Amino acid sequence: MSDDSGTSNDPKGRKARILRTVREDDNTTSVYIDTGDDERFRTFRPGQFATLRVMEEDGWSDAHPFTIAAAPGETVRLTIRGKGRFTSELVPGLRDGDEVHCAGPYGVFCRDIERQEQVVMIAGGVGITPFLSVLRNFDQTEATNRVVLFWSNKTYGDAFAAEELEAMTRRLDLTVVHVLTRETNPHHYADPELPTVFFEKGHLSREMLARHVQSATASFYLCGPGPMQQHVLDELRAFGVDTGGVETEQFVFS
């Protein structure tokens, strides 16, 4: 989950500190947070989120929710794409050692995903973050789940975690399909040394699903903005998926 609207009902959160920030691309920043002795963050599950508050000139900001992109047991990492003032100015302006307030973890998206033999993940843009948490956990635990990841972006340059995912395909039973809406010839990115990394042009379709998904009865997970989700659910239904069983998480920006 990620949005730029305040969450007034969220707890203020415990004091925490920024360990470091990493610019993933021109518009995406990962912040690594030292949550101290908060035991709850030691036991978070893939797909959960935390809220972040930072100091502004007139006091603490509202709390903003972001998915934890790290694997369980790792330092809390929030990967945040700029959309409004909080995400475009305040987050990139954080410095090592800055005090923040962090609360969580919250949510149940992707709960028990490790028990699913065949998994299909569909992400739109920064909606990749819960799946990065899952896959980083799978990588650490040497999981044998069969996973197909569809990641929709405007261009391949927007796929900030592409190299990490490509490396994972060498260690996991993982197929990565980059769905690129504004590339004229995405297929030229294909690398014969990465036989399970594919490139598709346009928007996710039932035809793409048929090319890369073996079974409509796999466990499907969807994370992205609302309009994208409705389109994907329509295509999944046409492919033969019972969309009532699709687990979804919506990213909302304001």
Protein backbone atom coordinates (compact mmCIF):
# COMPACT_ATOMS: atom_id res chain seq x y z
CA MET A 1 0.00 0.00 0.00
CA SER A 2 1.18 3.50 -0.75
CA ASP A 3 -0.55 6.81 -0.91
CA ASP A 4 -0.03 10.51 -0.43
CA SER A 5 -3.07 11.15 1.75
CA GLY A 6 -2.75 11.46 5.51
CA THR A 7 -4.04 8.55 7.59
CA SER A 8 -5.41 10.35 10.59
CA ASN A 9 -6.51 7.17 12.37
CA ASP A 10 -3.01 5.67 12.20
CA PRO A 11 -1.01 5.50 15.44
CA LYS A 12 1.82 8.01 15.64
CA GLY A 13 4.37 5.23 15.62
CA ARG A 14 7.58 4.77 17.52
CA LYS A 15 10.64 6.88 17.01
CA ALA A 16 12.96 5.43 14.38
CA ARG A 17 15.93 6.62 12.34
CA ILE A 18 16.87 6.65 8.70
CA LEU A 19 19.87 4.39 8.10
CA ARG A 20 20.26 5.34 4.45
CA THR A 21 18.32 6.30 1.36
CA VAL A 22 18.85 4.89 -2.13
CA ARG A 23 17.59 6.46 -5.34
CA GLU A 24 16.23 3.56 -7.35
CA ASP A 25 15.52 5.82 -10.32
CA ASP A 26 14.75 9.48 -10.94
CA ASN A 27 11.37 9.18 -9.25
CA THR A 28 11.73 6.29 -6.78
CA THR A 29 13.49 6.27 -3.42
CA SER A 30 14.11 3.41 -0.99
CA VAL A 31 14.49 4.34 2.66
CA TYR A 32 16.08 1.91 5.12
CA ILE A 33 14.80 2.44 8.66
CA ASP A 34 16.25 1.46 12.01
CA THR A 35 13.15 0.56 14.04
CA GLY A 36 15.20 -0.11 17.17
CA ASP A 37 13.85 -2.71 19.56
CA ASP A 38 10.34 -2.75 18.07
CA GLU A 39 9.75 -6.50 18.05
CA ARG A 40 6.79 -6.18 15.68
CA PHE A 41 9.07 -5.24 12.81
CA ARG A 42 11.24 -8.28 13.44
CA THR A 43 8.32 -10.54 12.58
CA PHE A 44 6.55 -8.77 9.71
CA ARG A 45 5.20 -10.87 6.85
CA PRO A 46 5.66 -10.27 3.10
CA GLY A 47 2.93 -7.98 1.82
CA GLN A 48 2.48 -5.99 5.02
CA PHE A 49 2.89 -2.23 5.20
CA ALA A 50 4.10 0.42 7.62
CA THR A 51 3.29 4.09 8.08
CA LEU A 52 5.88 6.83 7.97
CA ARG A 53 5.85 10.33 9.50
CA VAL A 54 8.63 12.84 8.98
CA MET A 55 9.43 16.18 10.57
CA GLU A 56 8.24 19.25 8.70
CA GLU A 57 8.75 22.92 9.51
CA ASP A 58 5.56 23.04 11.55
CA GLY A 59 5.86 19.62 13.21
CA TRP A 60 5.32 15.99 12.38
CA SER A 61 3.62 15.15 9.11
CA ASP A 62 0.55 12.98 8.80
CA ALA A 63 1.22 9.25 8.60
CA HIS A 64 1.57 7.82 5.10
CA PRO A 65 1.38 4.08 4.37
CA PHE A 66 3.95 2.18 2.29
CA THR A 67 4.50 -1.50 1.70
CA ILE A 68 7.57 -3.01 3.31
CA ALA A 69 9.70 -4.12 0.37
CA ALA A 70 12.30 -6.03 2.40
CA ALA A 71 12.22 -9.72 3.20
CA PRO A 72 11.28 -10.72 6.76
CA GLY A 73 14.28 -10.44 9.03
CA GLU A 74 15.88 -7.69 6.97
CA THR A 75 16.09 -4.01 7.81
CA VAL A 76 12.77 -2.32 7.14
CA ARG A 77 12.87 -0.93 3.61
CA LEU A 78 10.16 1.25 2.07
CA THR A 79 10.40 1.82 -1.68
CA ILE A 80 8.48 4.97 -2.53
CA ARG A 81 7.63 6.50 -5.90
CA GLY A 82 7.09 10.24 -6.04
CA LYS A 83 3.54 11.41 -6.69
CA GLY A 84 2.81 14.23 -4.25
CA ARG A 85 4.75 16.56 -1.98
CA PHE A 86 5.39 13.96 0.72
CA THR A 87 6.77 11.34 -1.67
CA SER A 88 8.43 13.69 -4.17
CA GLU A 89 10.03 16.19 -1.79
CA LEU A 90 10.05 15.09 1.84
CA VAL A 91 11.05 11.45 1.37
CA PRO A 92 13.91 12.11 -1.09
CA GLY A 93 15.09 14.86 1.26
CA LEU A 94 15.63 12.48 4.18
CA ARG A 95 19.23 12.09 5.33
CA ASP A 96 21.10 9.39 7.23
CA GLY A 97 20.31 9.67 10.92
CA ASP A 98 17.11 11.69 10.53
CA GLU A 99 14.45 10.85 13.09
CA VAL A 100 11.12 9.58 11.75
CA HIS A 101 8.08 7.89 13.22
CA CYS A 102 7.27 4.43 11.92
CA ALA A 103 4.23 2.30 12.85
CA GLY A 104 3.18 -1.18 11.82
CA PRO A 105 3.33 -3.70 10.40
CA TYR A 106 -0.23 -3.78 9.11
CA GLY A 107 -2.23 -5.71 6.54
CA VAL A 108 -2.57 -9.30 5.33
CA PHE A 109 -1.84 -9.09 1.59
CA CYS A 110 0.02 -12.21 0.37
CA ARG A 111 -0.64 -14.04 3.62
CA ASP A 112 0.39 -17.72 3.34
CA ILE A 113 1.63 -17.18 -0.23
CA GLU A 114 4.56 -19.47 0.53
CA ARG A 115 2.08 -22.38 0.74
CA GLN A 116 0.88 -21.91 -2.84
CA GLU A 117 2.57 -24.21 -5.34
CA GLN A 118 1.80 -22.06 -8.40
CA VAL A 119 1.75 -18.28 -7.97
CA VAL A 120 0.96 -15.54 -10.47
CA MET A 121 1.82 -11.99 -9.40
CA ILE A 122 0.57 -9.01 -11.39
CA ALA A 123 2.00 -5.60 -10.50
CA GLY A 124 1.49 -2.11 -11.86
CA GLY A 125 4.42 0.26 -11.35
CA VAL A 126 5.41 0.62 -7.71
CA GLY A 127 2.79 -2.03 -6.95
CA ILE A 128 5.75 -4.38 -7.31
CA THR A 129 6.84 -3.70 -3.72
CA PRO A 130 4.85 -6.40 -1.89
CA PHE A 131 5.99 -8.91 -4.48
CA LEU A 132 9.60 -7.84 -4.02
CA SER A 133 9.19 -8.67 -0.34
CA VAL A 134 7.77 -12.08 -1.21
CA LEU A 135 10.44 -12.86 -3.79
CA ARG A 136 13.28 -11.68 -1.58
CA ASN A 137 11.92 -14.01 1.08
CA PHE A 138 11.65 -16.86 -1.44
CA ASP A 139 15.23 -16.19 -2.50
CA GLN A 140 16.48 -16.32 1.07
CA THR A 141 14.60 -19.51 1.88
CA GLU A 142 15.38 -21.25 -1.44
CA ALA A 143 11.67 -21.71 -2.07
CA THR A 144 10.49 -24.06 -4.80
CA ASN A 145 7.19 -22.34 -5.61
CA ARG A 146 6.56 -21.87 -9.32
CA VAL A 147 6.10 -18.11 -9.83
CA VAL A 148 5.16 -15.97 -12.81
CA LEU A 149 5.49 -12.21 -12.31
CA PHE A 150 3.89 -9.74 -14.70
CA TRP A 151 5.22 -6.23 -14.07
CA SER A 152 3.60 -3.40 -16.02
CA ASN A 153 5.52 -0.14 -16.55
CA LYS A 154 5.59 2.58 -19.15
CA THR A 155 9.18 1.76 -20.17
CA TYR A 156 11.85 -0.76 -19.20
CA GLY A 157 13.72 2.11 -17.56
CA ASP A 158 10.90 2.36 -15.02
CA ALA A 159 11.51 -1.23 -13.88
CA PHE A 160 13.94 -0.21 -11.13
CA ALA A 161 14.35 -3.75 -9.76
CA ALA A 162 14.82 -5.45 -13.14
CA GLU A 163 18.40 -6.61 -12.58
CA GLU A 164 17.61 -8.04 -9.16
CA LEU A 165 14.63 -9.93 -10.56
CA GLU A 166 16.68 -11.23 -13.47
CA ALA A 167 19.25 -12.59 -11.04
CA MET A 168 16.47 -14.28 -9.07
CA THR A 169 15.34 -16.16 -12.18
CA ARG A 170 18.64 -18.03 -12.03
CA ARG A 171 17.95 -19.25 -8.49
CA LEU A 172 14.17 -19.58 -8.29
CA ASP A 173 11.46 -21.18 -10.44
CA LEU A 174 10.59 -17.65 -11.54
CA THR A 175 9.37 -16.24 -14.83
CA VAL A 176 9.39 -12.44 -15.19
CA VAL A 177 7.25 -10.79 -17.86
CA HIS A 178 7.82 -7.06 -18.37
CA VAL A 179 4.64 -5.54 -19.80
CA LEU A 180 5.67 -2.19 -21.31
CA THR A 181 2.99 0.23 -22.44
CA ARG A 182 5.13 2.87 -24.16
CA GLU A 183 7.92 0.88 -25.74
CA THR A 184 7.71 0.48 -29.51
CA ASN A 185 9.86 -2.66 -29.60
CA PRO A 186 10.29 -4.10 -26.09
CA HIS A 187 11.43 -7.46 -27.44
CA HIS A 188 14.88 -6.09 -28.21
CA TYR A 189 15.59 -6.14 -24.46
CA ALA A 190 15.39 -9.93 -24.44
CA ASP A 191 18.61 -11.74 -23.45
CA PRO A 192 19.15 -15.37 -24.52
CA GLU A 193 21.07 -15.92 -21.29
CA LEU A 194 17.88 -15.10 -19.37
CA PRO A 195 15.40 -17.56 -20.91
CA THR A 196 12.65 -16.91 -18.34
CA VAL A 197 12.61 -13.12 -18.71
CA PHE A 198 10.14 -11.93 -21.34
CA PHE A 199 8.97 -8.61 -22.76
CA GLU A 200 5.47 -7.76 -23.96
CA LYS A 201 4.10 -4.60 -25.55
CA GLY A 202 0.94 -2.87 -24.42
CA HIS A 203 -1.34 -3.77 -21.54
CA LEU A 204 -1.80 -7.15 -19.90
CA SER A 205 -4.12 -9.31 -21.98
CA ARG A 206 -5.63 -12.77 -21.97
CA GLU A 207 -3.26 -13.63 -24.81
CA MET A 208 -0.24 -12.70 -22.68
CA LEU A 209 -1.62 -14.78 -19.85
CA ALA A 210 -2.00 -17.75 -22.19
CA ARG A 211 1.61 -17.40 -23.33
CA HIS A 212 3.12 -17.42 -19.85
CA VAL A 213 0.69 -18.99 -17.36
CA GLN A 214 0.21 -22.74 -17.32
CA SER A 215 -3.01 -22.90 -15.34
CA ALA A 216 -6.00 -20.66 -14.62
CA THR A 217 -6.23 -22.35 -11.22
CA ALA A 218 -2.92 -20.95 -9.96
CA SER A 219 -3.01 -18.52 -7.03
CA PHE A 220 -3.32 -14.97 -8.42
CA TYR A 221 -2.22 -11.78 -6.67
CA LEU A 222 -2.77 -8.28 -8.05
CA CYS A 223 -1.35 -4.97 -6.87
CA GLY A 224 -1.69 -1.67 -8.68
CA PRO A 225 -3.93 1.38 -9.21
CA GLY A 226 -7.68 0.94 -9.47
CA PRO A 227 -8.22 1.36 -13.25
CA MET A 228 -5.38 -1.07 -13.97
CA GLN A 229 -6.88 -3.60 -11.56
CA GLN A 230 -10.28 -3.54 -13.24
CA HIS A 231 -8.70 -4.12 -16.65
CA VAL A 232 -6.57 -6.99 -15.32
CA LEU A 233 -9.53 -8.64 -13.60
CA ASP A 234 -11.49 -8.49 -16.87
CA GLU A 235 -8.61 -10.16 -18.73
CA LEU A 236 -8.16 -12.77 -16.00
CA ARG A 237 -11.85 -13.60 -16.21
CA ALA A 238 -11.58 -14.00 -19.99
CA PHE A 239 -8.59 -16.31 -19.45
CA GLY A 240 -10.73 -18.52 -17.24
CA VAL A 241 -9.68 -17.38 -13.77
CA ASP A 242 -12.25 -17.28 -10.98
CA THR A 243 -11.60 -13.64 -10.11
CA GLY A 244 -13.41 -14.00 -6.80
CA GLY A 245 -10.30 -15.78 -5.59
CA VAL A 246 -7.82 -13.16 -6.79
CA GLU A 247 -6.14 -11.41 -3.86
CA THR A 248 -5.81 -7.69 -4.51
CA GLU A 249 -4.12 -4.69 -2.96
CA GLN A 250 -4.84 -1.24 -4.35
CA PHE A 251 -2.38 1.63 -4.52
CA VAL A 252 -4.05 5.03 -4.29
CA PHE A 253 -2.26 8.33 -4.87
CA SER A 254 -3.46 11.84 -4.20
